[in-house]
Amino acid sequence: MRHLFLTLILIFGGSQLQAQMGLRAAFDHFELDDFQVLLTETQEVRELPGTAYSLGVDYWFRLKNKRIEFMPELNYARTSVDLPDGTHIRGQWYSFFFNTNFYIFDLASDCDCPTFSKQNNLLKSGFFVSVSPGVTYAGINSESERTGNFDPDHTGIIPSLAGGIGLDLGVSDFLTLTPFAEARYLFPFDQPAQAEPINDAVPPDYQLSGGESQGWRFRAGLRLGFRFDYR
């Protein structure tokens, strides 16, 4: 799955060099229900899967006579949580997001955006609200000499839906900077299962919650938009 995802990024990004594409970098914060570990000695609870920095590549197109723009995106994020007993819990999040931007103050315009040479009102032309359905392949495991990896059978697909806001800042006809923020709801998914101890005489120092989880993925970041066909 990881190699397939990287191949798609290369194809998706490289094939658009004559059109319009974007690169995204964001900070991601997860808040999931009942996805946590209990440290057995101190009774301390650590929330999973942690925070992440994510990277994405997207392709831009729009409706002809309305300021509704589409930016399907391939995205990668990595989460990390370290426990006192030396266990490292890592997450690999491979996602496809279908970002759709609605320029609510300029919806009826035929603006040839993101070509900004014609624009005067930044808020009117650049502000948007977004809706973004998505799907994520999440691979979460532990790295521990005492417990081994999580059960890989519980790694799977997570559908999601996000809403957000952003503002296009035109640096030139070629380059657009877009700060954005969104809240993404993650629909219920199966949590990974804790592996059996390799050595029964030395049980793990933590207990992983089991069952089903759901929750939110909050993102704030910056998009760099490149227009290779600008005139």
C-alpha atoms as a PDB file:
ATOM      1  CA  MET A   1       0.000   0.000   0.000  1.00  0.00           C
ATOM      2  CA  ARG A   2       2.817   2.425   0.862  1.00  0.00           C
ATOM      3  CA  HIS A   3       4.603   1.839  -2.454  1.00  0.00           C
ATOM      4  CA  LEU A   4       1.328   2.167  -4.377  1.00  0.00           C
ATOM      5  CA  PHE A   5       0.575   5.471  -2.641  1.00  0.00           C
ATOM      6  CA  LEU A   6       4.018   6.900  -3.438  1.00  0.00           C
ATOM      7  CA  THR A   7       3.651   5.819  -7.064  1.00  0.00           C
ATOM      8  CA  LEU A   8       0.290   7.588  -7.306  1.00  0.00           C
ATOM      9  CA  ILE A   9       1.838  10.786  -5.904  1.00  0.00           C
ATOM     10  CA  LEU A  10       4.525  10.730  -8.580  1.00  0.00           C
ATOM     11  CA  ILE A  11       1.994  10.107 -11.343  1.00  0.00           C
ATOM     12  CA  PHE A  12      -0.532  12.574  -9.927  1.00  0.00           C
ATOM     13  CA  GLY A  13       2.016  15.340  -9.460  1.00  0.00           C
ATOM     14  CA  GLY A  14       4.238  14.804 -12.468  1.00  0.00           C
ATOM     15  CA  SER A  15       1.444  14.511 -15.001  1.00  0.00           C
ATOM     16  CA  GLN A  16       0.107  17.979 -14.163  1.00  0.00           C
ATOM     17  CA  LEU A  17       3.179  20.052 -15.011  1.00  0.00           C
ATOM     18  CA  GLN A  18       1.290  21.734 -17.837  1.00  0.00           C
ATOM     19  CA  ALA A  19      -1.709  22.568 -15.660  1.00  0.00           C
ATOM     20  CA  GLN A  20      -2.309  23.690 -12.082  1.00  0.00           C
ATOM     21  CA  MET A  21      -1.271  21.808  -8.985  1.00  0.00           C
ATOM     22  CA  GLY A  22      -0.584  22.440  -5.333  1.00  0.00           C
ATOM     23  CA  LEU A  23       1.611  21.263  -2.490  1.00  0.00           C
ATOM     24  CA  ARG A  24       0.233  21.208   1.066  1.00  0.00           C
ATOM     25  CA  ALA A  25       1.913  21.080   4.461  1.00  0.00           C
ATOM     26  CA  ALA A  26      -0.163  20.919   7.638  1.00  0.00           C
ATOM     27  CA  PHE A  27      -0.144  20.181  11.355  1.00  0.00           C
ATOM     28  CA  ASP A  28      -2.707  17.529  12.269  1.00  0.00           C
ATOM     29  CA  HIS A  29      -4.240  16.914  15.696  1.00  0.00           C
ATOM     30  CA  PHE A  30      -6.316  13.774  16.316  1.00  0.00           C
ATOM     31  CA  GLU A  31      -9.072  13.460  18.919  1.00  0.00           C
ATOM     32  CA  LEU A  32     -10.469   9.921  18.841  1.00  0.00           C
ATOM     33  CA  ASP A  33     -12.969   8.220  21.145  1.00  0.00           C
ATOM     34  CA  ASP A  34     -11.654   5.340  23.278  1.00  0.00           C
ATOM     35  CA  PHE A  35      -8.340   5.068  21.434  1.00  0.00           C
ATOM     36  CA  GLN A  36      -5.753   5.204  24.177  1.00  0.00           C
ATOM     37  CA  VAL A  37      -3.274   3.256  26.281  1.00  0.00           C
ATOM     38  CA  LEU A  38      -3.320   2.861  30.061  1.00  0.00           C
ATOM     39  CA  LEU A  39       0.087   2.750  31.758  1.00  0.00           C
ATOM     40  CA  THR A  40      -0.412  -0.022  34.305  1.00  0.00           C
ATOM     41  CA  GLU A  41       2.095   1.213  36.909  1.00  0.00           C
ATOM     42  CA  THR A  42       1.049   4.858  37.129  1.00  0.00           C
ATOM     43  CA  GLN A  43      -2.531   4.526  35.789  1.00  0.00           C
ATOM     44  CA  GLU A  44      -1.695   7.364  33.379  1.00  0.00           C
ATOM     45  CA  VAL A  45      -3.690   7.494  30.151  1.00  0.00           C
ATOM     46  CA  ARG A  46      -2.012   8.375  26.859  1.00  0.00           C
ATOM     47  CA  GLU A  47      -4.245   9.394  23.980  1.00  0.00           C
ATOM     48  CA  LEU A  48      -3.657   7.845  20.572  1.00  0.00           C
ATOM     49  CA  PRO A  49      -2.704   8.165  17.774  1.00  0.00           C
ATOM     50  CA  GLY A  50      -0.926  11.453  18.611  1.00  0.00           C
ATOM     51  CA  THR A  51      -0.244  14.482  16.443  1.00  0.00           C
ATOM     52  CA  ALA A  52       1.298  14.607  12.999  1.00  0.00           C
ATOM     53  CA  TYR A  53       2.746  16.706  10.234  1.00  0.00           C
ATOM     54  CA  SER A  54       1.177  15.906   6.886  1.00  0.00           C
ATOM     55  CA  LEU A  55       2.165  16.497   3.276  1.00  0.00           C
ATOM     56  CA  GLY A  56      -0.099  16.463   0.236  1.00  0.00           C
ATOM     57  CA  VAL A  57      -0.192  17.079  -3.492  1.00  0.00           C
ATOM     58  CA  ASP A  58      -3.338  18.182  -5.338  1.00  0.00           C
ATOM     59  CA  TYR A  59      -4.639  19.042  -8.806  1.00  0.00           C
ATOM     60  CA  TRP A  60      -6.809  22.131  -9.417  1.00  0.00           C
ATOM     61  CA  PHE A  61      -9.843  22.516 -11.674  1.00  0.00           C
ATOM     62  CA  ARG A  62     -13.103  24.481 -11.449  1.00  0.00           C
ATOM     63  CA  LEU A  63     -16.577  25.045 -12.815  1.00  0.00           C
ATOM     64  CA  LYS A  64     -16.666  27.290 -15.858  1.00  0.00           C
ATOM     65  CA  ASN A  65     -19.067  30.020 -14.707  1.00  0.00           C
ATOM     66  CA  LYS A  66     -19.110  29.619 -10.910  1.00  0.00           C
ATOM     67  CA  ARG A  67     -16.413  30.066  -8.271  1.00  0.00           C
ATOM     68  CA  ILE A  68     -16.548  26.452  -7.184  1.00  0.00           C
ATOM     69  CA  GLU A  69     -13.117  24.856  -7.389  1.00  0.00           C
ATOM     70  CA  PHE A  70     -11.989  21.255  -6.961  1.00  0.00           C
ATOM     71  CA  MET A  71      -8.636  20.084  -5.615  1.00  0.00           C
ATOM     72  CA  PRO A  72      -8.423  16.291  -5.254  1.00  0.00           C
ATOM     73  CA  GLU A  73      -5.474  15.557  -2.975  1.00  0.00           C
ATOM     74  CA  LEU A  74      -3.182  12.671  -2.092  1.00  0.00           C
ATOM     75  CA  ASN A  75      -1.969  13.077   1.495  1.00  0.00           C
ATOM     76  CA  TYR A  76       0.492  11.361   3.825  1.00  0.00           C
ATOM     77  CA  ALA A  77       0.803  11.770   7.614  1.00  0.00           C
ATOM     78  CA  ARG A  78       2.818   9.992  10.303  1.00  0.00           C
ATOM     79  CA  THR A  79       1.903   9.883  13.983  1.00  0.00           C
ATOM     80  CA  SER A  80       4.168   8.876  16.844  1.00  0.00           C
ATOM     81  CA  VAL A  81       3.705   8.165  20.564  1.00  0.00           C
ATOM     82  CA  ASP A  82       6.494   6.872  22.847  1.00  0.00           C
ATOM     83  CA  LEU A  83       5.735   5.019  26.092  1.00  0.00           C
ATOM     84  CA  PRO A  84       7.953   4.862  29.200  1.00  0.00           C
ATOM     85  CA  ASP A  85       8.726   1.148  28.713  1.00  0.00           C
ATOM     86  CA  GLY A  86      10.359   1.895  25.354  1.00  0.00           C
ATOM     87  CA  THR A  87       7.375   0.991  23.188  1.00  0.00           C
ATOM     88  CA  HIS A  88       6.993   3.159  20.089  1.00  0.00           C
ATOM     89  CA  ILE A  89       3.492   3.426  18.617  1.00  0.00           C
ATOM     90  CA  ARG A  90       3.619   4.611  15.024  1.00  0.00           C
ATOM     91  CA  GLY A  91       0.871   5.445  12.557  1.00  0.00           C
ATOM     92  CA  GLN A  92       1.053   5.740   8.765  1.00  0.00           C
ATOM     93  CA  TRP A  93      -1.953   7.585   7.298  1.00  0.00           C
ATOM     94  CA  TYR A  94      -2.396   7.454   3.497  1.00  0.00           C
ATOM     95  CA  SER A  95      -5.371   9.536   2.374  1.00  0.00           C
ATOM     96  CA  PHE A  96      -7.334  10.743  -0.619  1.00  0.00           C
ATOM     97  CA  PHE A  97      -9.314  13.960  -0.063  1.00  0.00           C
ATOM     98  CA  PHE A  98     -11.688  15.488  -2.615  1.00  0.00           C
ATOM     99  CA  ASN A  99     -11.399  19.151  -1.572  1.00  0.00           C
ATOM    100  CA  THR A 100     -14.142  21.434  -2.933  1.00  0.00           C
ATOM    101  CA  ASN A 101     -13.886  25.203  -2.349  1.00  0.00           C
ATOM    102  CA  PHE A 102     -16.873  27.549  -2.478  1.00  0.00           C
ATOM    103  CA  TYR A 103     -15.954  31.251  -2.867  1.00  0.00           C
ATOM    104  CA  ILE A 104     -19.106  32.446  -1.156  1.00  0.00           C
ATOM    105  CA  PHE A 105     -18.448  36.185  -1.645  1.00  0.00           C
ATOM    106  CA  ASP A 106     -17.646  35.776  -5.346  1.00  0.00           C
ATOM    107  CA  LEU A 107     -19.719  32.754  -6.349  1.00  0.00           C
ATOM    108  CA  ALA A 108     -21.155  34.160  -9.582  1.00  0.00           C
ATOM    109  CA  SER A 109     -17.835  35.472 -10.873  1.00  0.00           C
ATOM    110  CA  ASP A 110     -16.057  34.146 -13.960  1.00  0.00           C
ATOM    111  CA  CYS A 111     -12.693  35.151 -12.432  1.00  0.00           C
ATOM    112  CA  ASP A 112      -9.827  33.300 -14.089  1.00  0.00           C
ATOM    113  CA  CYS A 113      -8.422  32.433 -10.686  1.00  0.00           C
ATOM    114  CA  PRO A 114      -5.888  31.863  -9.366  1.00  0.00           C
ATOM    115  CA  THR A 115      -4.703  34.573 -11.782  1.00  0.00           C
ATOM    116  CA  PHE A 116      -4.757  37.543  -9.444  1.00  0.00           C
ATOM    117  CA  SER A 117      -3.749  40.391 -11.713  1.00  0.00           C
ATOM    118  CA  LYS A 118      -7.429  41.284 -12.258  1.00  0.00           C
ATOM    119  CA  GLN A 119      -8.430  41.292  -8.582  1.00  0.00           C
ATOM    120  CA  ASN A 120      -8.907  44.230  -6.233  1.00  0.00           C
ATOM    121  CA  ASN A 121     -10.818  42.858  -3.231  1.00  0.00           C
ATOM    122  CA  LEU A 122      -8.754  40.123  -1.559  1.00  0.00           C
ATOM    123  CA  LEU A 123     -11.456  38.928   0.842  1.00  0.00           C
ATOM    124  CA  LYS A 124     -14.134  38.802  -1.860  1.00  0.00           C
ATOM    125  CA  SER A 125     -11.963  36.983  -4.378  1.00  0.00           C
ATOM    126  CA  GLY A 126      -9.829  34.865  -2.071  1.00  0.00           C
ATOM    127  CA  PHE A 127     -11.954  33.689   0.870  1.00  0.00           C
ATOM    128  CA  PHE A 128     -13.634  30.281   0.619  1.00  0.00           C
ATOM    129  CA  VAL A 129     -15.343  27.608   2.643  1.00  0.00           C
ATOM    130  CA  SER A 130     -14.509  24.016   1.824  1.00  0.00           C
ATOM    131  CA  VAL A 131     -16.147  20.606   1.933  1.00  0.00           C
ATOM    132  CA  SER A 132     -13.934  17.552   1.623  1.00  0.00           C
ATOM    133  CA  PRO A 133     -15.032  13.902   1.640  1.00  0.00           C
ATOM    134  CA  GLY A 134     -12.130  11.521   2.001  1.00  0.00           C
ATOM    135  CA  VAL A 135     -10.857   8.037   2.677  1.00  0.00           C
ATOM    136  CA  THR A 136      -7.756   6.996   4.631  1.00  0.00           C
ATOM    137  CA  TYR A 137      -5.749   3.800   4.826  1.00  0.00           C
ATOM    138  CA  ALA A 138      -4.369   3.753   8.371  1.00  0.00           C
ATOM    139  CA  GLY A 139      -1.520   1.476   9.388  1.00  0.00           C
ATOM    140  CA  ILE A 140      -0.897   1.652  13.151  1.00  0.00           C
ATOM    141  CA  ASN A 141       1.583  -0.603  14.928  1.00  0.00           C
ATOM    142  CA  SER A 142       3.855  -0.828  17.943  1.00  0.00           C
ATOM    143  CA  GLU A 143       7.589  -1.341  17.974  1.00  0.00           C
ATOM    144  CA  SER A 144       8.532  -3.221  21.126  1.00  0.00           C
ATOM    145  CA  GLU A 145      10.915  -6.066  21.929  1.00  0.00           C
ATOM    146  CA  ARG A 146       8.462  -7.278  24.552  1.00  0.00           C
ATOM    147  CA  THR A 147       5.161  -7.231  22.705  1.00  0.00           C
ATOM    148  CA  GLY A 148       5.979  -7.162  18.993  1.00  0.00           C
ATOM    149  CA  ASN A 149       3.672  -5.404  16.560  1.00  0.00           C
ATOM    150  CA  PHE A 150      -0.049  -4.775  16.816  1.00  0.00           C
ATOM    151  CA  ASP A 151      -2.297  -7.221  15.038  1.00  0.00           C
ATOM    152  CA  PRO A 152      -2.098  -6.055  11.379  1.00  0.00           C
ATOM    153  CA  ASP A 153      -5.590  -7.396  10.655  1.00  0.00           C
ATOM    154  CA  HIS A 154      -7.003  -4.342  12.414  1.00  0.00           C
ATOM    155  CA  THR A 155      -5.381  -1.923  10.023  1.00  0.00           C
ATOM    156  CA  GLY A 156      -7.936  -0.644   7.581  1.00  0.00           C
ATOM    157  CA  ILE A 157      -9.933   1.967   5.724  1.00  0.00           C
ATOM    158  CA  ILE A 158     -11.403   5.059   7.429  1.00  0.00           C
ATOM    159  CA  PRO A 159     -13.972   7.220   5.557  1.00  0.00           C
ATOM    160  CA  SER A 160     -14.151  10.864   6.553  1.00  0.00           C
ATOM    161  CA  LEU A 161     -15.814  14.208   5.856  1.00  0.00           C
ATOM    162  CA  ALA A 162     -14.329  17.669   6.501  1.00  0.00           C
ATOM    163  CA  GLY A 163     -15.394  21.300   6.525  1.00  0.00           C
ATOM    164  CA  GLY A 164     -13.019  24.227   6.555  1.00  0.00           C
ATOM    165  CA  ILE A 165     -12.056  27.744   5.516  1.00  0.00           C
ATOM    166  CA  GLY A 166      -9.137  29.311   3.666  1.00  0.00           C
ATOM    167  CA  LEU A 167      -7.857  32.443   1.948  1.00  0.00           C
ATOM    168  CA  ASP A 168      -5.986  32.640  -1.370  1.00  0.00           C
ATOM    169  CA  LEU A 169      -3.096  35.114  -1.312  1.00  0.00           C
ATOM    170  CA  GLY A 170      -1.838  35.814  -4.808  1.00  0.00           C
ATOM    171  CA  VAL A 171       1.918  36.302  -4.868  1.00  0.00           C
ATOM    172  CA  SER A 172       1.943  36.299  -8.671  1.00  0.00           C
ATOM    173  CA  ASP A 173       0.053  34.789 -11.593  1.00  0.00           C
ATOM    174  CA  PHE A 174       2.243  31.709 -11.130  1.00  0.00           C
ATOM    175  CA  LEU A 175       2.205  31.295  -7.326  1.00  0.00           C
ATOM    176  CA  THR A 176      -0.638  31.405  -4.800  1.00  0.00           C
ATOM    177  CA  LEU A 177      -0.290  30.939  -1.030  1.00  0.00           C
ATOM    178  CA  THR A 178      -3.362  29.607   0.771  1.00  0.00           C
ATOM    179  CA  PRO A 179      -3.495  29.239   4.567  1.00  0.00           C
ATOM    180  CA  PHE A 180      -6.321  26.881   5.512  1.00  0.00           C
ATOM    181  CA  ALA A 181      -7.922  25.138   8.474  1.00  0.00           C
ATOM    182  CA  GLU A 182     -10.397  22.287   8.633  1.00  0.00           C
ATOM    183  CA  ALA A 183     -12.123  19.842  10.962  1.00  0.00           C
ATOM    184  CA  ARG A 184     -12.387  16.303   9.576  1.00  0.00           C
ATOM    185  CA  TYR A 185     -14.766  13.760  11.084  1.00  0.00           C
ATOM    186  CA  LEU A 186     -13.475  10.184  11.023  1.00  0.00           C
ATOM    187  CA  PHE A 187     -16.281   7.667  10.767  1.00  0.00           C
ATOM    188  CA  PRO A 188     -16.178   4.579  13.052  1.00  0.00           C
ATOM    189  CA  PHE A 189     -13.299   2.169  12.445  1.00  0.00           C
ATOM    190  CA  ASP A 190     -11.750  -0.827  14.187  1.00  0.00           C
ATOM    191  CA  GLN A 191      -8.815  -0.086  16.452  1.00  0.00           C
ATOM    192  CA  PRO A 192      -5.644  -2.164  16.229  1.00  0.00           C
ATOM    193  CA  ALA A 193      -5.439  -5.046  18.698  1.00  0.00           C
ATOM    194  CA  GLN A 194      -2.658  -5.403  21.252  1.00  0.00           C
ATOM    195  CA  ALA A 195      -0.248  -8.234  20.539  1.00  0.00           C
ATOM    196  CA  GLU A 196       0.318 -11.018  23.038  1.00  0.00           C
ATOM    197  CA  PRO A 197       3.512 -10.612  25.097  1.00  0.00           C
ATOM    198  CA  ILE A 198       6.514 -12.369  23.629  1.00  0.00           C
ATOM    199  CA  ASN A 199       7.559 -13.328  27.153  1.00  0.00           C
ATOM    200  CA  ASP A 200       4.563 -14.179  29.367  1.00  0.00           C
ATOM    201  CA  ALA A 201       6.709 -13.716  32.462  1.00  0.00           C
ATOM    202  CA  VAL A 202       7.277 -10.064  31.528  1.00  0.00           C
ATOM    203  CA  PRO A 203       3.878  -8.529  30.705  1.00  0.00           C
ATOM    204  CA  PRO A 204       3.716  -5.171  28.916  1.00  0.00           C
ATOM    205  CA  ASP A 205       3.616  -1.993  30.973  1.00  0.00           C
ATOM    206  CA  TYR A 206       0.540  -0.724  29.182  1.00  0.00           C
ATOM    207  CA  GLN A 207      -2.944  -1.809  28.167  1.00  0.00           C
ATOM    208  CA  LEU A 208      -4.400  -0.792  24.822  1.00  0.00           C
ATOM    209  CA  SER A 209      -8.115   0.000  24.620  1.00  0.00           C
ATOM    210  CA  GLY A 210      -9.967  -2.178  22.156  1.00  0.00           C
ATOM    211  CA  GLY A 211     -13.048  -2.128  20.007  1.00  0.00           C
ATOM    212  CA  GLU A 212     -14.262   0.612  17.698  1.00  0.00           C
ATOM    213  CA  SER A 213     -13.215   4.247  17.531  1.00  0.00           C
ATOM    214  CA  GLN A 214     -14.314   7.446  15.815  1.00  0.00           C
ATOM    215  CA  GLY A 215     -13.479  11.099  16.184  1.00  0.00           C
ATOM    216  CA  TRP A 216     -11.850  14.134  14.625  1.00  0.00           C
ATOM    217  CA  ARG A 217      -8.744  15.132  12.728  1.00  0.00           C
ATOM    218  CA  PHE A 218      -8.090  18.883  12.966  1.00  0.00           C
ATOM    219  CA  ARG A 219      -5.740  20.370  10.369  1.00  0.00           C
ATOM    220  CA  ALA A 220      -4.116  23.770   9.903  1.00  0.00           C
ATOM    221  CA  GLY A 221      -1.655  24.365   7.126  1.00  0.00           C
ATOM    222  CA  LEU A 222      -0.471  26.144   4.017  1.00  0.00           C
ATOM    223  CA  ARG A 223      -0.989  25.332   0.343  1.00  0.00           C
ATOM    224  CA  LEU A 224       1.403  26.462  -2.381  1.00  0.00           C
ATOM    225  CA  GLY A 225      -0.489  26.669  -5.663  1.00  0.00           C
ATOM    226  CA  PHE A 226       1.425  26.630  -8.949  1.00  0.00           C
ATOM    227  CA  ARG A 227      -0.135  27.626 -12.244  1.00  0.00           C
ATOM    228  CA  PHE A 228       1.984  26.339 -15.138  1.00  0.00           C
ATOM    229  CA  ASP A 229      -0.436  27.453 -17.877  1.00  0.00           C
ATOM    230  CA  TYR A 230      -0.783  31.092 -16.767  1.00  0.00           C
ATOM    231  CA  ARG A 231      -0.840  33.744 -19.481  1.00  0.00           C
END
